[in-house]
Amino acid sequence: MAIKSFTKVKRYLNSISGIASGGCALSALAMYRWLIQNGKLTPETCFYYCYLGYCDESFYKQNARALENKDRPTGCMHAILYHKNKYFDCEKLVDISQYRWLQKIVDENFVVESFNNIDCWNNMFNRDCISEIQRILDIDLSDIVIE
């Protein structure tokens, strides 16, 4: 049986090993698609790619070019979901003031293409759990590359 509350969705995603270490974009995408599937998406709901600045400037610059359709989307320091005036990282709220740069992503396909650029994400997250996430949340993640 699929999960029917956003709080439980976030709690479930937070329980997945490595979700914050290479699976944050998938987590944000899963929350986003769950909101769509359950008629709870709001007009302001979007993604944010976050960067500390000192070690991830090249990712920031490449994604800036990708947002202008001049490069391929890549990874980031952290991907989060903005929904109802809050920044979500699975179950926790995110303090965005710790980041030097934020990129607002309004197109979920950007997140998909970015996450499918596998070599740019921390491999601590085991993508083999994607089929279980689909089943538990009753969402479609078939456009995500497993390997």
N, C-alpha and C. Protein backbone atom coordinates (compact mmCIF):
# COMPACT_ATOMS: atom_id res chain seq x y z
N MET A 1 0.84 -1.18 0.00
CA MET A 1 0.00 0.00 0.00
C MET A 1 0.90 1.25 0.00
N ALA A 2 0.56 2.19 -0.84
CA ALA A 2 1.35 3.41 -0.98
C ALA A 2 1.18 4.32 0.24
N ILE A 3 2.19 5.11 0.50
CA ILE A 3 2.17 6.09 1.59
C ILE A 3 1.27 7.25 1.18
N LYS A 4 0.44 7.72 2.11
CA LYS A 4 -0.55 8.73 1.76
C LYS A 4 -0.38 10.07 2.46
N SER A 5 0.73 10.30 3.18
CA SER A 5 0.95 11.63 3.78
C SER A 5 2.38 12.09 3.45
N PHE A 6 2.51 13.38 3.21
CA PHE A 6 3.81 13.94 2.84
C PHE A 6 4.82 13.74 3.98
N THR A 7 4.37 13.84 5.22
CA THR A 7 5.25 13.61 6.37
C THR A 7 5.81 12.20 6.33
N LYS A 8 4.97 11.22 6.02
CA LYS A 8 5.42 9.83 5.97
C LYS A 8 6.33 9.59 4.76
N VAL A 9 6.09 10.28 3.66
CA VAL A 9 6.97 10.19 2.49
C VAL A 9 8.37 10.64 2.87
N LYS A 10 8.45 11.80 3.53
CA LYS A 10 9.75 12.34 3.93
C LYS A 10 10.44 11.41 4.93
N ARG A 11 9.68 10.88 5.87
CA ARG A 11 10.24 9.96 6.87
C ARG A 11 10.77 8.70 6.18
N TYR A 12 10.00 8.16 5.26
CA TYR A 12 10.44 6.96 4.53
C TYR A 12 11.74 7.24 3.76
N LEU A 13 11.76 8.32 3.00
CA LEU A 13 12.96 8.63 2.22
C LEU A 13 14.17 8.84 3.13
N ASN A 14 13.96 9.48 4.26
CA ASN A 14 15.05 9.73 5.20
C ASN A 14 15.62 8.43 5.77
N SER A 15 14.83 7.38 5.77
CA SER A 15 15.29 6.09 6.33
C SER A 15 16.18 5.32 5.36
N ILE A 16 16.27 5.75 4.12
CA ILE A 16 17.05 5.03 3.11
C ILE A 16 18.53 5.35 3.25
N SER A 17 19.32 4.33 3.36
CA SER A 17 20.76 4.49 3.54
C SER A 17 21.38 5.26 2.37
N GLY A 18 22.17 6.28 2.69
CA GLY A 18 22.90 7.03 1.67
C GLY A 18 22.07 8.05 0.92
N ILE A 19 20.82 8.24 1.29
CA ILE A 19 19.96 9.16 0.54
C ILE A 19 20.52 10.57 0.55
N ALA A 20 21.19 10.97 1.63
CA ALA A 20 21.77 12.31 1.72
C ALA A 20 23.19 12.35 1.17
N SER A 21 23.70 11.22 0.76
CA SER A 21 25.07 11.13 0.23
C SER A 21 25.05 10.57 -1.18
N GLY A 22 24.44 11.32 -2.07
CA GLY A 22 24.38 10.91 -3.47
C GLY A 22 22.97 10.63 -3.96
N GLY A 23 22.01 10.64 -3.06
CA GLY A 23 20.64 10.39 -3.47
C GLY A 23 19.72 11.57 -3.21
N CYS A 24 20.30 12.71 -2.86
CA CYS A 24 19.46 13.87 -2.50
C CYS A 24 18.61 14.35 -3.68
N ALA A 25 19.15 14.32 -4.88
CA ALA A 25 18.36 14.74 -6.05
C ALA A 25 17.22 13.77 -6.31
N LEU A 26 17.48 12.48 -6.12
CA LEU A 26 16.42 11.49 -6.28
C LEU A 26 15.35 11.69 -5.20
N SER A 27 15.78 11.97 -3.98
CA SER A 27 14.83 12.21 -2.91
C SER A 27 13.93 13.40 -3.24
N ALA A 28 14.53 14.49 -3.70
CA ALA A 28 13.75 15.68 -4.07
C ALA A 28 12.78 15.35 -5.21
N LEU A 29 13.26 14.60 -6.19
CA LEU A 29 12.42 14.21 -7.32
C LEU A 29 11.28 13.30 -6.87
N ALA A 30 11.58 12.37 -5.97
CA ALA A 30 10.55 11.46 -5.47
C ALA A 30 9.48 12.22 -4.70
N MET A 31 9.89 13.18 -3.86
CA MET A 31 8.91 14.00 -3.14
C MET A 31 8.05 14.79 -4.12
N TYR A 32 8.70 15.38 -5.12
CA TYR A 32 8.01 16.18 -6.13
C TYR A 32 6.97 15.33 -6.87
N ARG A 33 7.38 14.15 -7.30
CA ARG A 33 6.45 13.29 -8.05
C ARG A 33 5.34 12.75 -7.16
N TRP A 34 5.65 12.51 -5.89
CA TRP A 34 4.60 12.09 -4.97
C TRP A 34 3.57 13.21 -4.81
N LEU A 35 4.03 14.45 -4.69
CA LEU A 35 3.11 15.59 -4.57
C LEU A 35 2.22 15.69 -5.81
N ILE A 36 2.81 15.50 -6.99
CA ILE A 36 2.01 15.51 -8.23
C ILE A 36 0.97 14.39 -8.20
N GLN A 37 1.46 13.19 -7.92
CA GLN A 37 0.60 11.99 -7.93
C GLN A 37 -0.58 12.14 -6.97
N ASN A 38 -0.38 12.88 -5.89
CA ASN A 38 -1.41 13.00 -4.87
C ASN A 38 -2.12 14.35 -4.86
N GLY A 39 -1.94 15.11 -5.96
CA GLY A 39 -2.65 16.38 -6.12
C GLY A 39 -2.27 17.44 -5.09
N LYS A 40 -1.03 17.41 -4.61
CA LYS A 40 -0.61 18.33 -3.56
C LYS A 40 0.49 19.29 -4.00
N LEU A 41 0.82 19.26 -5.27
CA LEU A 41 1.86 20.16 -5.78
C LEU A 41 1.31 21.58 -5.79
N THR A 42 2.12 22.53 -5.37
CA THR A 42 1.71 23.94 -5.38
C THR A 42 2.49 24.65 -6.49
N PRO A 43 2.01 25.79 -6.96
CA PRO A 43 2.69 26.48 -8.06
C PRO A 43 4.14 26.87 -7.75
N GLU A 44 4.45 27.10 -6.49
CA GLU A 44 5.82 27.51 -6.17
C GLU A 44 6.76 26.34 -5.91
N THR A 45 6.26 25.12 -5.87
CA THR A 45 7.11 23.96 -5.61
C THR A 45 8.16 23.83 -6.71
N CYS A 46 9.41 23.70 -6.28
CA CYS A 46 10.52 23.56 -7.23
C CYS A 46 11.71 22.92 -6.52
N PHE A 47 12.77 22.78 -7.25
CA PHE A 47 14.01 22.21 -6.72
C PHE A 47 15.03 23.33 -6.54
N TYR A 48 15.97 23.10 -5.63
CA TYR A 48 17.13 23.98 -5.51
C TYR A 48 18.37 23.12 -5.47
N TYR A 49 19.35 23.52 -6.26
CA TYR A 49 20.67 22.92 -6.17
C TYR A 49 21.51 23.88 -5.34
N CYS A 50 22.19 23.34 -4.34
CA CYS A 50 22.92 24.14 -3.36
C CYS A 50 24.42 23.84 -3.46
N TYR A 51 25.20 24.88 -3.28
CA TYR A 51 26.66 24.77 -3.41
C TYR A 51 27.34 25.54 -2.28
N LEU A 52 28.37 24.95 -1.71
CA LEU A 52 29.14 25.62 -0.66
C LEU A 52 30.11 26.63 -1.25
N GLY A 53 30.62 26.34 -2.43
CA GLY A 53 31.48 27.31 -3.12
C GLY A 53 32.94 26.94 -3.20
N TYR A 54 33.49 26.43 -2.12
CA TYR A 54 34.93 26.19 -2.12
C TYR A 54 35.35 24.94 -2.86
N CYS A 55 34.48 23.96 -2.96
CA CYS A 55 34.88 22.71 -3.60
C CYS A 55 33.98 22.33 -4.77
N ASP A 56 32.96 23.09 -5.02
CA ASP A 56 32.00 22.67 -6.04
C ASP A 56 31.66 23.76 -7.05
N GLU A 57 32.57 24.70 -7.22
CA GLU A 57 32.32 25.81 -8.15
C GLU A 57 32.15 25.32 -9.59
N SER A 58 32.90 24.29 -9.98
CA SER A 58 32.79 23.80 -11.36
C SER A 58 31.40 23.20 -11.62
N PHE A 59 30.82 22.52 -10.61
CA PHE A 59 29.46 21.99 -10.75
C PHE A 59 28.47 23.14 -10.90
N TYR A 60 28.64 24.16 -10.08
CA TYR A 60 27.75 25.33 -10.15
C TYR A 60 27.81 25.97 -11.53
N LYS A 61 29.02 26.17 -12.04
CA LYS A 61 29.17 26.82 -13.35
C LYS A 61 28.59 25.95 -14.47
N GLN A 62 28.83 24.65 -14.41
CA GLN A 62 28.30 23.77 -15.45
C GLN A 62 26.77 23.76 -15.41
N ASN A 63 26.19 23.72 -14.22
CA ASN A 63 24.73 23.74 -14.14
C ASN A 63 24.16 25.09 -14.55
N ALA A 64 24.90 26.17 -14.33
CA ALA A 64 24.45 27.48 -14.81
C ALA A 64 24.39 27.47 -16.34
N ARG A 65 25.39 26.87 -16.97
CA ARG A 65 25.38 26.75 -18.44
C ARG A 65 24.25 25.83 -18.88
N ALA A 66 24.03 24.75 -18.13
CA ALA A 66 22.97 23.80 -18.47
C ALA A 66 21.59 24.44 -18.36
N LEU A 67 21.41 25.32 -17.41
CA LEU A 67 20.13 26.02 -17.27
C LEU A 67 19.87 26.93 -18.46
N GLU A 68 20.93 27.30 -19.18
CA GLU A 68 20.80 28.10 -20.41
C GLU A 68 20.86 27.20 -21.65
N ASN A 69 20.76 25.89 -21.45
CA ASN A 69 20.83 24.89 -22.53
C ASN A 69 22.16 24.93 -23.27
N LYS A 70 23.25 25.22 -22.56
CA LYS A 70 24.57 25.29 -23.18
C LYS A 70 25.51 24.21 -22.66
N ASP A 71 25.01 23.30 -21.82
CA ASP A 71 25.84 22.23 -21.27
C ASP A 71 24.90 21.16 -20.74
N ARG A 72 25.48 20.07 -20.28
CA ARG A 72 24.71 18.97 -19.69
C ARG A 72 24.62 19.17 -18.18
N PRO A 73 23.43 19.00 -17.58
CA PRO A 73 23.32 19.11 -16.13
C PRO A 73 24.23 18.11 -15.42
N THR A 74 24.74 18.53 -14.29
CA THR A 74 25.64 17.69 -13.51
C THR A 74 25.18 17.68 -12.05
N GLY A 75 26.02 17.18 -11.18
CA GLY A 75 25.69 17.09 -9.77
C GLY A 75 25.78 18.44 -9.08
N CYS A 76 25.58 18.43 -7.78
CA CYS A 76 25.69 19.63 -6.96
C CYS A 76 26.09 19.17 -5.56
N MET A 77 26.33 20.12 -4.69
CA MET A 77 26.66 19.75 -3.31
C MET A 77 25.44 19.11 -2.64
N HIS A 78 24.27 19.71 -2.87
CA HIS A 78 23.06 19.18 -2.25
C HIS A 78 21.84 19.62 -3.07
N ALA A 79 20.89 18.73 -3.24
CA ALA A 79 19.64 19.03 -3.95
C ALA A 79 18.51 18.94 -2.94
N ILE A 80 17.62 19.93 -2.99
CA ILE A 80 16.51 19.98 -2.04
C ILE A 80 15.22 20.35 -2.77
N LEU A 81 14.11 20.17 -2.08
CA LEU A 81 12.81 20.53 -2.62
C LEU A 81 12.26 21.72 -1.84
N TYR A 82 11.77 22.71 -2.58
CA TYR A 82 11.10 23.86 -1.98
C TYR A 82 9.60 23.65 -2.14
N HIS A 83 8.89 23.65 -1.02
CA HIS A 83 7.45 23.40 -1.05
C HIS A 83 6.80 24.08 0.15
N LYS A 84 5.77 24.88 -0.10
CA LYS A 84 5.04 25.60 0.95
C LYS A 84 5.98 26.42 1.83
N ASN A 85 6.85 27.17 1.16
CA ASN A 85 7.78 28.10 1.82
C ASN A 85 8.80 27.42 2.74
N LYS A 86 9.09 26.15 2.48
CA LYS A 86 10.08 25.41 3.27
C LYS A 86 11.01 24.67 2.32
N TYR A 87 12.24 24.49 2.76
CA TYR A 87 13.26 23.77 2.00
C TYR A 87 13.44 22.40 2.65
N PHE A 88 13.12 21.35 1.90
CA PHE A 88 13.12 20.00 2.46
C PHE A 88 14.30 19.16 1.96
N ASP A 89 14.87 18.45 2.90
CA ASP A 89 15.87 17.42 2.65
C ASP A 89 15.30 16.16 3.31
N CYS A 90 14.50 15.43 2.59
CA CYS A 90 13.75 14.32 3.17
C CYS A 90 12.95 14.84 4.35
N GLU A 91 13.23 14.31 5.52
CA GLU A 91 12.43 14.64 6.69
C GLU A 91 12.83 15.96 7.34
N LYS A 92 14.06 16.39 7.09
CA LYS A 92 14.56 17.59 7.76
C LYS A 92 14.33 18.85 6.92
N LEU A 93 14.26 19.98 7.61
CA LEU A 93 14.26 21.26 6.93
C LEU A 93 15.70 21.70 6.75
N VAL A 94 15.98 22.40 5.66
CA VAL A 94 17.34 22.81 5.32
C VAL A 94 17.50 24.30 5.57
N ASP A 95 18.61 24.65 6.22
CA ASP A 95 18.98 26.05 6.40
C ASP A 95 19.80 26.45 5.18
N ILE A 96 19.19 27.17 4.26
CA ILE A 96 19.89 27.50 3.00
C ILE A 96 20.96 28.56 3.19
N SER A 97 21.01 29.22 4.34
CA SER A 97 22.02 30.26 4.57
C SER A 97 23.43 29.69 4.62
N GLN A 98 23.58 28.39 4.79
CA GLN A 98 24.90 27.78 4.84
C GLN A 98 25.54 27.65 3.45
N TYR A 99 24.76 27.88 2.42
CA TYR A 99 25.27 27.71 1.05
C TYR A 99 25.64 29.05 0.42
N ARG A 100 26.68 29.01 -0.38
CA ARG A 100 27.13 30.22 -1.08
C ARG A 100 26.25 30.52 -2.29
N TRP A 101 25.89 29.45 -3.02
CA TRP A 101 25.09 29.62 -4.22
C TRP A 101 23.89 28.67 -4.18
N LEU A 102 22.78 29.17 -4.72
CA LEU A 102 21.58 28.36 -4.90
C LEU A 102 21.13 28.51 -6.34
N GLN A 103 20.71 27.41 -6.95
CA GLN A 103 20.14 27.47 -8.29
C GLN A 103 18.73 26.92 -8.23
N LYS A 104 17.80 27.74 -8.63
CA LYS A 104 16.40 27.32 -8.66
C LYS A 104 16.17 26.51 -9.93
N ILE A 105 15.63 25.32 -9.76
CA ILE A 105 15.36 24.41 -10.87
C ILE A 105 13.85 24.19 -10.92
N VAL A 106 13.24 24.63 -12.00
CA VAL A 106 11.78 24.48 -12.11
C VAL A 106 11.37 23.31 -13.00
N ASP A 107 12.31 22.77 -13.75
CA ASP A 107 12.01 21.68 -14.68
C ASP A 107 12.52 20.36 -14.10
N GLU A 108 11.59 19.46 -13.81
CA GLU A 108 12.01 18.17 -13.24
C GLU A 108 12.91 17.39 -14.19
N ASN A 109 12.81 17.64 -15.50
CA ASN A 109 13.68 16.94 -16.44
C ASN A 109 15.14 17.33 -16.26
N PHE A 110 15.40 18.55 -15.80
CA PHE A 110 16.77 18.97 -15.49
C PHE A 110 17.32 18.07 -14.37
N VAL A 111 16.50 17.83 -13.35
CA VAL A 111 16.93 16.99 -12.23
C VAL A 111 17.17 15.56 -12.70
N VAL A 112 16.28 15.05 -13.54
CA VAL A 112 16.44 13.69 -14.08
C VAL A 112 17.74 13.59 -14.87
N GLU A 113 17.96 14.52 -15.79
CA GLU A 113 19.17 14.48 -16.61
C GLU A 113 20.41 14.62 -15.74
N SER A 114 20.34 15.48 -14.76
CA SER A 114 21.47 15.67 -13.84
C SER A 114 21.75 14.37 -13.08
N PHE A 115 20.72 13.78 -12.49
CA PHE A 115 20.90 12.57 -11.69
C PHE A 115 21.33 11.39 -12.56
N ASN A 116 20.94 11.39 -13.82
CA ASN A 116 21.37 10.33 -14.73
C ASN A 116 22.81 10.51 -15.21
N ASN A 117 23.42 11.62 -14.90
CA ASN A 117 24.84 11.86 -15.13
C ASN A 117 25.57 11.22 -13.94
N ILE A 118 25.55 9.91 -13.89
CA ILE A 118 25.90 9.11 -12.72
C ILE A 118 27.27 9.44 -12.12
N ASP A 119 28.25 9.68 -12.93
CA ASP A 119 29.61 9.89 -12.43
C ASP A 119 29.75 11.16 -11.60
N CYS A 120 28.75 12.01 -11.60
CA CYS A 120 28.82 13.29 -10.89
C CYS A 120 28.17 13.24 -9.50
N TRP A 121 27.69 12.10 -9.10
CA TRP A 121 27.02 11.98 -7.81
C TRP A 121 27.77 11.01 -6.92
N ASN A 122 27.75 11.25 -5.63
CA ASN A 122 28.38 10.40 -4.64
C ASN A 122 27.79 9.00 -4.77
N ASN A 123 28.66 8.00 -4.83
CA ASN A 123 28.18 6.64 -5.03
C ASN A 123 27.81 5.92 -3.73
N MET A 124 27.75 6.65 -2.63
CA MET A 124 27.31 6.03 -1.37
C MET A 124 25.84 5.64 -1.43
N PHE A 125 25.08 6.34 -2.29
CA PHE A 125 23.67 6.00 -2.46
C PHE A 125 23.56 4.83 -3.42
N ASN A 126 22.90 3.77 -2.99
CA ASN A 126 22.73 2.58 -3.81
C ASN A 126 21.45 2.72 -4.64
N ARG A 127 21.63 2.90 -5.93
CA ARG A 127 20.49 3.11 -6.83
C ARG A 127 19.60 1.88 -6.98
N ASP A 128 20.04 0.75 -6.48
CA ASP A 128 19.22 -0.46 -6.56
C ASP A 128 17.91 -0.33 -5.78
N CYS A 129 17.83 0.63 -4.87
CA CYS A 129 16.60 0.79 -4.07
C CYS A 129 15.54 1.61 -4.80
N ILE A 130 15.83 2.08 -6.01
CA ILE A 130 14.89 2.94 -6.73
C ILE A 130 13.57 2.22 -7.02
N SER A 131 13.64 0.95 -7.36
CA SER A 131 12.39 0.22 -7.64
C SER A 131 11.53 0.11 -6.38
N GLU A 132 12.16 -0.04 -5.22
CA GLU A 132 11.39 -0.08 -3.97
C GLU A 132 10.76 1.28 -3.68
N ILE A 133 11.51 2.36 -3.92
CA ILE A 133 10.97 3.71 -3.71
C ILE A 133 9.73 3.90 -4.60
N GLN A 134 9.83 3.47 -5.86
CA GLN A 134 8.68 3.57 -6.77
C GLN A 134 7.47 2.84 -6.21
N ARG A 135 7.71 1.63 -5.72
CA ARG A 135 6.62 0.80 -5.22
C ARG A 135 6.01 1.38 -3.95
N ILE A 136 6.85 1.76 -3.00
CA ILE A 136 6.37 2.26 -1.72
C ILE A 136 5.61 3.58 -1.88
N LEU A 137 6.15 4.48 -2.73
CA LEU A 137 5.53 5.79 -2.90
C LEU A 137 4.49 5.82 -4.02
N ASP A 138 4.40 4.74 -4.79
CA ASP A 138 3.48 4.65 -5.91
C ASP A 138 3.71 5.79 -6.91
N ILE A 139 4.99 5.94 -7.30
CA ILE A 139 5.38 6.96 -8.28
C ILE A 139 6.21 6.29 -9.38
N ASP A 140 6.37 6.98 -10.48
CA ASP A 140 7.15 6.47 -11.60
C ASP A 140 8.53 7.12 -11.58
N LEU A 141 9.55 6.28 -11.47
CA LEU A 141 10.95 6.74 -11.57
C LEU A 141 11.68 5.96 -12.67
N SER A 142 10.92 5.49 -13.65
CA SER A 142 11.51 4.67 -14.71
C SER A 142 12.49 5.43 -15.59
N ASP A 143 12.49 6.76 -15.51
CA ASP A 143 13.43 7.55 -16.31
C ASP A 143 14.76 7.76 -15.61
N ILE A 144 14.94 7.15 -14.44
CA ILE A 144 16.18 7.24 -13.68
C ILE A 144 17.06 6.04 -14.01
N VAL A 145 18.32 6.33 -14.32
CA VAL A 145 19.30 5.28 -14.61
C VAL A 145 19.72 4.61 -13.30
N ILE A 146 19.66 3.29 -13.30
CA ILE A 146 20.05 2.53 -12.10
C ILE A 146 21.56 2.36 -12.05
N GLU A 147 22.16 1.97 -13.16
CA GLU A 147 23.62 1.73 -13.19
C GLU A 147 24.26 2.62 -14.22
